[in-house]
Structure formats: structure tokens, C-alpha cells
Amino acid sequence: VTLAKGNRSRQVTNACKKYGGFYLGSIGGPAAILAKNCIRNVEVLDNEEDGMEAVWKIDVENFPAFIVVDDKGDDFFKEWLG
């Protein structure tokens, strides 16, 4: 499962389908409030030198998110982005 706030490339959609992954989206505006209230723990798993592009494990509770790409390759944004 990955989490962000926008659409992803066709390669991400294909990878979700191939490996059974999910890409979740959340709203970007209230990020500071969500971080304060919902994030319980954060740790870097790999590529720490890449900063925000590293692989992070984030434990959350009651974090509002929705499925953007599912494990069948269905993409929420496809209708608008083609």
C-alpha cells in the first residue's frame, strides 16, 4: 500500500495489478492537522539519503484515505486523465 494525494503514472497502476498493491489518496490541504492527529510512528526503511523520496513506514490511525488504484489495476483518475 502506498499513500499520497494525486494521481500516479500508468507504471504504478500496472505494478498494483501485477503485485496486488493498492495506492491510496488523501486530501492535501490539511496535512499538518492529519499528521498531528493521525500519524503514530514514522521510520525510514530504505534509501534514507533520498529524503522525502526514501521508502518510509508510517503507522496511522483514523487517517482519511480512499482507493485511487486497486489491485486489479482500476484507476480512479482514468476517467478524467484518459
C-alpha atoms as a PDB file:
ATOM      1  CA  VAL A   1       0.000   0.000   0.000  1.00  0.00           C
ATOM      2  CA  THR A   2       1.256   3.464  -0.906  1.00  0.00           C
ATOM      3  CA  LEU A   3      -0.317   6.777   0.066  1.00  0.00           C
ATOM      4  CA  ALA A   4      -0.175  10.275  -1.464  1.00  0.00           C
ATOM      5  CA  LYS A   5      -2.548  12.979  -2.709  1.00  0.00           C
ATOM      6  CA  GLY A   6      -2.565  12.850  -6.514  1.00  0.00           C
ATOM      7  CA  ASN A   7      -2.654  10.573  -9.498  1.00  0.00           C
ATOM      8  CA  ARG A   8       0.227   8.255 -10.442  1.00  0.00           C
ATOM      9  CA  SER A   9       1.722   7.031 -13.706  1.00  0.00           C
ATOM     10  CA  ARG A  10       0.470   4.065 -15.718  1.00  0.00           C
ATOM     11  CA  GLN A  11       3.536   2.143 -14.449  1.00  0.00           C
ATOM     12  CA  VAL A  12       2.244   2.419 -10.868  1.00  0.00           C
ATOM     13  CA  THR A  13      -1.202   1.199 -11.936  1.00  0.00           C
ATOM     14  CA  ASN A  14       0.381  -1.752 -13.759  1.00  0.00           C
ATOM     15  CA  ALA A  15       2.537  -2.576 -10.723  1.00  0.00           C
ATOM     16  CA  CYS A  16      -0.516  -2.546  -8.424  1.00  0.00           C
ATOM     17  CA  LYS A  17      -2.230  -5.001 -10.752  1.00  0.00           C
ATOM     18  CA  LYS A  18       0.840  -7.234 -11.146  1.00  0.00           C
ATOM     19  CA  TYR A  19       1.826  -7.370  -7.461  1.00  0.00           C
ATOM     20  CA  GLY A  20      -1.569  -6.937  -5.762  1.00  0.00           C
ATOM     21  CA  GLY A  21      -0.856  -3.476  -4.423  1.00  0.00           C
ATOM     22  CA  PHE A  22      -3.056  -0.502  -3.621  1.00  0.00           C
ATOM     23  CA  TYR A  23      -2.432   3.203  -3.996  1.00  0.00           C
ATOM     24  CA  LEU A  24      -4.436   5.304  -1.549  1.00  0.00           C
ATOM     25  CA  GLY A  25      -5.088   9.008  -1.852  1.00  0.00           C
ATOM     26  CA  SER A  26      -5.858  11.645   0.709  1.00  0.00           C
ATOM     27  CA  ILE A  27      -6.577  15.337   0.659  1.00  0.00           C
ATOM     28  CA  GLY A  28      -3.521  17.577   0.727  1.00  0.00           C
ATOM     29  CA  GLY A  29      -4.725  20.817   2.327  1.00  0.00           C
ATOM     30  CA  PRO A  30      -5.000  19.797   5.995  1.00  0.00           C
ATOM     31  CA  ALA A  31      -1.760  17.795   6.020  1.00  0.00           C
ATOM     32  CA  ALA A  32      -0.443  19.344   9.252  1.00  0.00           C
ATOM     33  CA  ILE A  33      -3.642  18.504  11.140  1.00  0.00           C
ATOM     34  CA  LEU A  34      -3.697  14.952   9.747  1.00  0.00           C
ATOM     35  CA  ALA A  35      -0.046  14.494  10.711  1.00  0.00           C
ATOM     36  CA  LYS A  36      -0.655  15.741  14.243  1.00  0.00           C
ATOM     37  CA  ASN A  37      -3.812  13.703  14.845  1.00  0.00           C
ATOM     38  CA  CYS A  38      -3.343  10.505  12.818  1.00  0.00           C
ATOM     39  CA  ILE A  39       0.347   9.595  12.491  1.00  0.00           C
ATOM     40  CA  ARG A  40       1.565   7.398  15.336  1.00  0.00           C
ATOM     41  CA  ASN A  41       5.077   6.403  14.165  1.00  0.00           C
ATOM     42  CA  VAL A  42       7.435   7.121  11.242  1.00  0.00           C
ATOM     43  CA  GLU A  43      10.583   5.281  10.206  1.00  0.00           C
ATOM     44  CA  VAL A  44      12.773   5.124   7.095  1.00  0.00           C
ATOM     45  CA  LEU A  45      13.013   1.608   5.647  1.00  0.00           C
ATOM     46  CA  ASP A  46      15.330   2.223   2.676  1.00  0.00           C
ATOM     47  CA  ASN A  47      17.157   4.944   0.702  1.00  0.00           C
ATOM     48  CA  GLU A  48      17.364   7.379   3.620  1.00  0.00           C
ATOM     49  CA  GLU A  49      19.738   9.565   1.591  1.00  0.00           C
ATOM     50  CA  ASP A  50      16.852  10.371  -0.777  1.00  0.00           C
ATOM     51  CA  GLY A  51      14.978  12.390   1.839  1.00  0.00           C
ATOM     52  CA  MET A  52      11.243  12.510   1.122  1.00  0.00           C
ATOM     53  CA  GLU A  53      11.755  10.095  -1.803  1.00  0.00           C
ATOM     54  CA  ALA A  54      13.035   7.400   0.588  1.00  0.00           C
ATOM     55  CA  VAL A  55      10.925   4.374   1.492  1.00  0.00           C
ATOM     56  CA  TRP A  56       9.004   5.238   4.646  1.00  0.00           C
ATOM     57  CA  LYS A  57       6.871   3.184   7.004  1.00  0.00           C
ATOM     58  CA  ILE A  58       4.181   5.326   8.571  1.00  0.00           C
ATOM     59  CA  ASP A  59       1.790   3.936  11.173  1.00  0.00           C
ATOM     60  CA  VAL A  60      -1.512   5.817  11.112  1.00  0.00           C
ATOM     61  CA  GLU A  61      -4.808   5.668  12.968  1.00  0.00           C
ATOM     62  CA  ASN A  62      -8.136   7.037  11.683  1.00  0.00           C
ATOM     63  CA  PHE A  63      -6.396   8.510   8.635  1.00  0.00           C
ATOM     64  CA  PRO A  64      -8.906   9.562   5.934  1.00  0.00           C
ATOM     65  CA  ALA A  65      -7.930   7.980   2.593  1.00  0.00           C
ATOM     66  CA  PHE A  66      -9.597   6.400  -0.407  1.00  0.00           C
ATOM     67  CA  ILE A  67      -8.503   3.843  -3.001  1.00  0.00           C
ATOM     68  CA  VAL A  68      -7.076   5.551  -6.105  1.00  0.00           C
ATOM     69  CA  VAL A  69      -5.657   2.401  -7.740  1.00  0.00           C
ATOM     70  CA  ASP A  70      -6.727  -1.067  -6.681  1.00  0.00           C
ATOM     71  CA  ASP A  71      -5.118  -4.490  -7.000  1.00  0.00           C
ATOM     72  CA  LYS A  72      -6.951  -5.089 -10.292  1.00  0.00           C
ATOM     73  CA  GLY A  73      -5.430  -2.017 -11.955  1.00  0.00           C
ATOM     74  CA  ASP A  74      -8.582   0.105 -11.736  1.00  0.00           C
ATOM     75  CA  ASP A  75      -7.595   3.794 -11.577  1.00  0.00           C
ATOM     76  CA  PHE A  76      -9.923   6.394 -10.031  1.00  0.00           C
ATOM     77  CA  PHE A  77      -8.399   9.190 -12.201  1.00  0.00           C
ATOM     78  CA  LYS A  78      -8.583   7.285 -15.505  1.00  0.00           C
ATOM     79  CA  GLU A  79     -11.952   8.784 -16.435  1.00  0.00           C
ATOM     80  CA  TRP A  80     -10.523  12.315 -16.318  1.00  0.00           C
ATOM     81  CA  LEU A  81      -6.946  11.695 -17.448  1.00  0.00           C
ATOM     82  CA  GLY A  82      -7.519   9.105 -20.165  1.00  0.00           C
END
